[in-house]
């Protein structure tokens, strides 16, 4: 099953004005995107047209930068009910926006959230801040590890207003991988464009750290990761659509398939690695 592990289907009404303007920029089809966020039936038809079997739908709590509140978890859990086999919900918690973090963690697990997103440049903390008093992150990582729920960490820069890019360096995930060795971690965007070598090192160093290639133009992928075939078994395909700079899901897929990689590596990245993280 070909899986796009990084698509943003989100409640449009939660975006703050600056973030919404960034999403709309150079998007003549923004009304269609809004329809997909309202209608899972319409979005599933779009996935069919793009040749995508499954999609991981990314949501996270980031009121300060994007506007998303904890209600995104219920939104996406309800959205995927249209076809839970094809639509995989990703949710989130935020240490500063929870009065009972352990109860909230139990709640999102009961909702059926199948991946947890940490977005340091938008949530404004380092992923290893549990070492510096943010004990909520330890609760989150231990619960995800115990329940076999993968953790996606945004690595690399962000152009959204208010984002703090110092938090995007993937080296801080090294601590998380050391301290929670059974936690399956995905490095979203592979540290693009500043920290690709760090991301490659972490994927090779830690057995449970994976690479998510979303948000990287496929034509530039082998420039950034010339040894991608070496880590194909720990790499997942994703687009980051409809994020800024990602015009089209199918175009990304076609451009990836045109890369000078072996057929076995392409199949691994498009299909097989994702099945180890989210069995069909």
Protein backbone atom coordinates (compact mmCIF):
# COMPACT_ATOMS: atom_id res chain seq x y z
CA UNK A 1 0.00 0.00 0.00
CA UNK A 2 1.56 3.24 -1.16
CA UNK A 3 1.55 5.65 1.78
CA UNK A 4 1.99 9.40 1.93
CA UNK A 5 3.11 9.77 5.53
CA UNK A 6 2.77 13.55 5.72
CA UNK A 7 -0.37 15.33 4.52
CA UNK A 8 -1.97 18.27 6.32
CA UNK A 9 -5.72 17.87 6.66
CA UNK A 10 -6.58 20.37 9.38
CA UNK A 11 -9.47 22.48 10.70
CA UNK A 12 -9.16 25.63 8.60
CA UNK A 13 -11.16 27.70 11.06
CA UNK A 14 -8.39 27.33 13.67
CA UNK A 15 -5.64 28.99 11.62
CA UNK A 16 -4.59 32.39 12.87
CA UNK A 17 -4.49 35.12 10.18
CA UNK A 18 -0.74 35.08 9.57
CA UNK A 19 -0.55 31.29 9.23
CA UNK A 20 -3.61 31.20 6.98
CA UNK A 21 -2.09 33.83 4.71
CA UNK A 22 1.07 31.70 4.40
CA UNK A 23 -1.06 28.69 3.47
CA UNK A 24 -3.01 30.63 0.83
CA UNK A 25 0.03 32.19 -0.83
CA UNK A 26 0.41 30.98 -4.44
CA UNK A 27 -2.56 28.62 -3.96
CA UNK A 28 -5.16 29.30 -6.65
CA UNK A 29 -6.89 26.04 -5.62
CA UNK A 30 -7.18 26.92 -1.94
CA UNK A 31 -10.96 26.50 -2.01
CA UNK A 32 -10.46 22.90 -3.13
CA UNK A 33 -8.03 22.32 -0.23
CA UNK A 34 -10.60 23.74 2.18
CA UNK A 35 -13.20 21.36 0.75
CA UNK A 36 -10.87 18.40 1.33
CA UNK A 37 -10.44 19.49 4.96
CA UNK A 38 -14.23 19.50 5.36
CA UNK A 39 -15.03 16.38 3.33
CA UNK A 40 -13.12 13.12 3.74
CA UNK A 41 -15.12 11.66 0.83
CA UNK A 42 -13.80 14.37 -1.50
CA UNK A 43 -10.27 13.94 -0.17
CA UNK A 44 -10.33 10.16 -0.67
CA UNK A 45 -11.31 10.70 -4.32
CA UNK A 46 -8.34 13.05 -4.63
CA UNK A 47 -6.02 10.39 -3.16
CA UNK A 48 -7.37 7.93 -5.74
CA UNK A 49 -6.58 10.38 -8.54
CA UNK A 50 -3.04 10.81 -7.17
CA UNK A 51 -2.41 7.07 -6.83
CA UNK A 52 -2.09 7.15 -3.04
CA UNK A 53 -3.51 4.21 -1.04
CA UNK A 54 -3.03 5.59 2.49
CA UNK A 55 -2.31 8.99 4.02
CA UNK A 56 -1.12 10.01 7.47
CA UNK A 57 -2.98 13.20 8.37
CA UNK A 58 -0.79 15.54 10.41
CA UNK A 59 -2.21 17.65 13.24
CA UNK A 60 -0.56 19.23 16.26
CA UNK A 61 -1.28 21.73 19.04
CA UNK A 62 0.40 25.10 18.42
CA UNK A 63 -1.85 28.02 19.40
CA UNK A 64 0.92 30.62 19.49
CA UNK A 65 2.27 30.18 15.95
CA UNK A 66 -0.45 28.41 13.90
CA UNK A 67 -3.59 28.69 16.03
CA UNK A 68 -4.28 24.98 16.57
CA UNK A 69 -5.77 24.10 19.96
CA UNK A 70 -6.10 20.61 21.52
CA UNK A 71 -9.41 20.23 19.67
CA UNK A 72 -7.42 19.19 16.58
CA UNK A 73 -7.23 15.67 18.06
CA UNK A 74 -11.01 15.17 18.10
CA UNK A 75 -11.24 16.76 14.64
CA UNK A 76 -8.86 14.31 13.01
CA UNK A 77 -10.11 11.28 14.95
CA UNK A 78 -13.61 12.00 13.65
CA UNK A 79 -12.40 12.77 10.11
CA UNK A 80 -10.69 9.41 9.59
CA UNK A 81 -13.84 7.46 10.51
CA UNK A 82 -14.79 7.74 6.83
CA UNK A 83 -12.10 5.13 6.02
CA UNK A 84 -9.80 4.14 8.91
CA UNK A 85 -7.94 1.70 6.66
CA UNK A 86 -6.73 4.49 4.37
CA UNK A 87 -6.67 7.53 6.66
CA UNK A 88 -4.24 7.46 9.60
CA UNK A 89 -4.73 10.15 12.27
CA UNK A 90 -1.79 12.06 13.73
CA UNK A 91 -2.43 14.21 16.79
CA UNK A 92 -0.56 16.02 19.50
CA UNK A 93 -0.34 17.47 22.98
CA UNK A 94 1.42 20.58 24.23
CA UNK A 95 2.92 20.92 27.73
CA UNK A 96 1.78 24.54 28.05
CA UNK A 97 -1.77 23.81 26.93
CA UNK A 98 -2.81 20.97 29.23
CA UNK A 99 -3.96 21.09 32.83
CA UNK A 100 -3.80 17.30 33.25
CA UNK A 101 -1.26 15.97 30.78
CA UNK A 102 -1.53 12.32 31.75
CA UNK A 103 -5.32 12.35 31.37
CA UNK A 104 -5.02 14.15 28.04
CA UNK A 105 -2.50 11.56 26.85
CA UNK A 106 -4.90 8.76 27.78
CA UNK A 107 -7.65 10.63 25.91
CA UNK A 108 -5.81 10.91 22.58
CA UNK A 109 -4.85 7.24 22.77
CA UNK A 110 -8.52 6.35 23.30
CA UNK A 111 -9.40 8.50 20.29
CA UNK A 112 -7.27 6.16 18.21
CA UNK A 113 -4.48 8.60 17.34
CA UNK A 114 -1.84 6.50 15.52
CA UNK A 115 1.03 8.96 15.50
CA UNK A 116 2.01 11.88 17.72
CA UNK A 117 3.55 15.02 16.26
CA UNK A 118 6.05 17.26 18.03
CA UNK A 119 6.76 20.48 16.14
CA UNK A 120 9.52 22.32 18.01
CA UNK A 121 9.68 25.48 15.81
CA UNK A 122 5.89 25.94 16.16
CA UNK A 123 5.42 24.62 19.69
CA UNK A 124 8.47 26.59 20.86
CA UNK A 125 10.39 23.99 22.82
CA UNK A 126 13.25 21.56 22.23
CA UNK A 127 12.26 17.90 21.90
CA UNK A 128 14.63 17.00 24.76
CA UNK A 129 13.26 19.61 27.18
CA UNK A 130 12.16 16.80 29.49
CA UNK A 131 15.82 16.96 30.60
CA UNK A 132 15.22 20.55 31.67
CA UNK A 133 12.04 20.29 33.72
CA UNK A 134 9.33 19.79 31.06
CA UNK A 135 8.22 16.46 32.50
CA UNK A 136 5.14 16.39 30.28
CA UNK A 137 7.35 15.44 27.35
CA UNK A 138 8.63 12.43 29.27
CA UNK A 139 5.03 11.37 29.91
CA UNK A 140 4.29 11.74 26.19
CA UNK A 141 7.31 9.74 25.05
CA UNK A 142 6.84 6.96 27.59
CA UNK A 143 3.16 6.56 26.70
CA UNK A 144 3.89 6.53 22.96
CA UNK A 145 6.70 4.01 23.48
CA UNK A 146 4.55 1.75 25.66
CA UNK A 147 1.65 1.81 23.20
CA UNK A 148 3.68 1.41 20.01
CA UNK A 149 2.60 4.82 18.69
CA UNK A 150 5.25 6.45 16.46
CA UNK A 151 6.49 9.95 17.23
CA UNK A 152 7.08 12.42 14.39
CA UNK A 153 9.38 15.35 15.16
CA UNK A 154 9.56 18.31 12.80
CA UNK A 155 13.21 18.90 11.97
CA UNK A 156 14.47 21.78 9.89
CA UNK A 157 13.20 25.26 9.26
CA UNK A 158 9.73 26.79 9.00
CA UNK A 159 8.65 29.95 7.18
CA UNK A 160 5.44 30.51 9.15
CA UNK A 161 5.27 33.84 11.02
CA UNK A 162 6.43 33.43 14.61
CA UNK A 163 8.25 30.12 14.07
CA UNK A 164 11.54 29.83 16.00
CA UNK A 165 13.95 27.90 13.83
CA UNK A 166 16.56 27.34 16.53
CA UNK A 167 14.28 24.55 17.79
CA UNK A 168 14.47 22.71 14.44
CA UNK A 169 17.96 21.21 14.78
CA UNK A 170 17.49 17.40 14.82
CA UNK A 171 20.48 16.85 17.13
CA UNK A 172 18.15 17.31 20.12
CA UNK A 173 16.30 14.17 19.02
CA UNK A 174 19.47 12.22 19.80
CA UNK A 175 18.64 12.43 23.51
CA UNK A 176 15.08 11.20 22.88
CA UNK A 177 16.33 8.20 20.90
CA UNK A 178 18.85 7.34 23.64
CA UNK A 179 16.41 7.69 26.52
CA UNK A 180 13.43 5.99 24.81
CA UNK A 181 15.07 3.27 22.71
CA UNK A 182 11.82 1.47 21.80
CA UNK A 183 10.07 4.63 20.65
CA UNK A 184 9.70 4.75 16.86
CA UNK A 185 10.77 8.24 15.78
CA UNK A 186 10.36 9.91 12.38
CA UNK A 187 12.49 12.94 11.50
CA UNK A 188 10.04 14.97 9.43
CA UNK A 189 11.70 16.74 6.48
CA UNK A 190 15.14 15.33 7.30
CA UNK A 191 16.40 18.59 8.83
CA UNK A 192 15.79 20.52 5.62
CA UNK A 193 17.71 22.56 4.48
CA UNK A 194 20.31 23.19 7.21
CA UNK A 195 20.75 19.90 9.05
CA UNK A 196 20.48 17.06 6.52
CA UNK A 197 23.79 15.50 7.56
CA UNK A 198 22.67 15.45 11.20
CA UNK A 199 19.43 13.72 10.25
CA UNK A 200 21.27 11.12 8.17
CA UNK A 201 23.62 10.42 11.07
CA UNK A 202 20.73 9.95 13.53
CA UNK A 203 18.89 7.56 11.21
CA UNK A 204 22.03 5.46 10.85
CA UNK A 205 22.91 5.62 14.55
CA UNK A 206 19.59 4.73 16.16
CA UNK A 207 17.65 1.56 15.27
CA UNK A 208 14.24 3.20 15.74
CA UNK A 209 14.89 6.59 14.09
CA UNK A 210 13.42 6.95 10.60
CA UNK A 211 13.59 9.54 7.84
CA UNK A 212 10.49 11.28 6.47
CA UNK A 213 11.39 12.91 3.13
CA UNK A 214 8.33 15.16 2.96
CA UNK A 215 8.82 18.83 2.19
CA UNK A 216 12.00 18.13 0.20
CA UNK A 217 11.58 18.65 -3.57
CA UNK A 218 12.11 15.11 -4.94
CA UNK A 219 14.40 16.39 -7.70
CA UNK A 220 16.75 17.71 -4.95
CA UNK A 221 16.43 14.66 -2.69
CA UNK A 222 19.60 12.87 -3.80
CA UNK A 223 21.58 16.10 -3.58
CA UNK A 224 20.67 16.28 0.10
CA UNK A 225 20.77 12.52 0.75
CA UNK A 226 23.17 11.00 -1.82
CA UNK A 227 23.33 7.77 0.23
CA UNK A 228 19.55 7.42 0.51
CA UNK A 229 19.60 3.79 -0.68
CA UNK A 230 21.58 2.86 2.45
CA UNK A 231 18.68 3.92 4.67
CA UNK A 232 15.76 2.99 2.41
CA UNK A 233 14.54 0.44 4.98
CA UNK A 234 14.10 3.33 7.45
CA UNK A 235 12.76 5.96 5.05
CA UNK A 236 9.14 6.85 4.33
CA UNK A 237 7.66 8.82 1.46
CA UNK A 238 5.68 11.95 2.26
CA UNK A 239 4.78 15.18 0.51
CA UNK A 240 3.87 17.77 3.21
CA UNK A 241 1.01 18.82 0.92
CA UNK A 242 -0.55 21.41 0.95
CA UNK A 243 2.28 23.07 2.85
CA UNK A 244 4.09 26.04 1.30
CA UNK A 245 6.30 24.92 -1.56
CA UNK A 246 4.46 21.64 -2.21
CA UNK A 247 2.20 22.27 -5.19
CA UNK A 248 0.84 18.80 -5.90
CA UNK A 249 0.83 15.29 -4.42
CA UNK A 250 0.93 13.45 -7.76
CA UNK A 251 3.75 15.60 -9.10
CA UNK A 252 5.83 14.80 -6.02
CA UNK A 253 5.12 11.11 -6.45
CA UNK A 254 5.99 11.16 -10.16
CA UNK A 255 9.21 13.09 -9.48
CA UNK A 256 10.21 10.61 -6.79
CA UNK A 257 9.59 7.64 -9.09
CA UNK A 258 11.82 9.27 -11.73
CA UNK A 259 14.85 9.34 -9.41
CA UNK A 260 17.83 7.08 -10.21
CA UNK A 261 17.14 4.72 -7.32
CA UNK A 262 16.72 0.97 -7.54
CA UNK A 263 13.19 -0.35 -7.89
CA UNK A 264 13.56 -2.17 -4.59
CA UNK A 265 14.55 1.06 -2.78
CA UNK A 266 11.61 2.92 -4.30
CA UNK A 267 9.19 0.19 -3.23
CA UNK A 268 10.68 0.19 0.25
CA UNK A 269 10.30 3.95 0.67
CA UNK A 270 6.85 4.20 -0.94
CA UNK A 271 5.29 1.18 0.72
CA UNK A 272 7.23 -1.21 2.90
CA UNK A 273 8.72 1.04 5.59
CA UNK A 274 5.33 2.60 6.32
CA UNK A 275 3.83 -0.86 6.81
CA UNK A 276 6.32 -1.49 9.64
CA UNK A 277 5.10 1.69 11.35
CA UNK A 278 1.37 1.40 10.60
CA UNK A 279 0.47 -2.21 9.68
CA UNK A 280 -2.44 -2.39 7.25
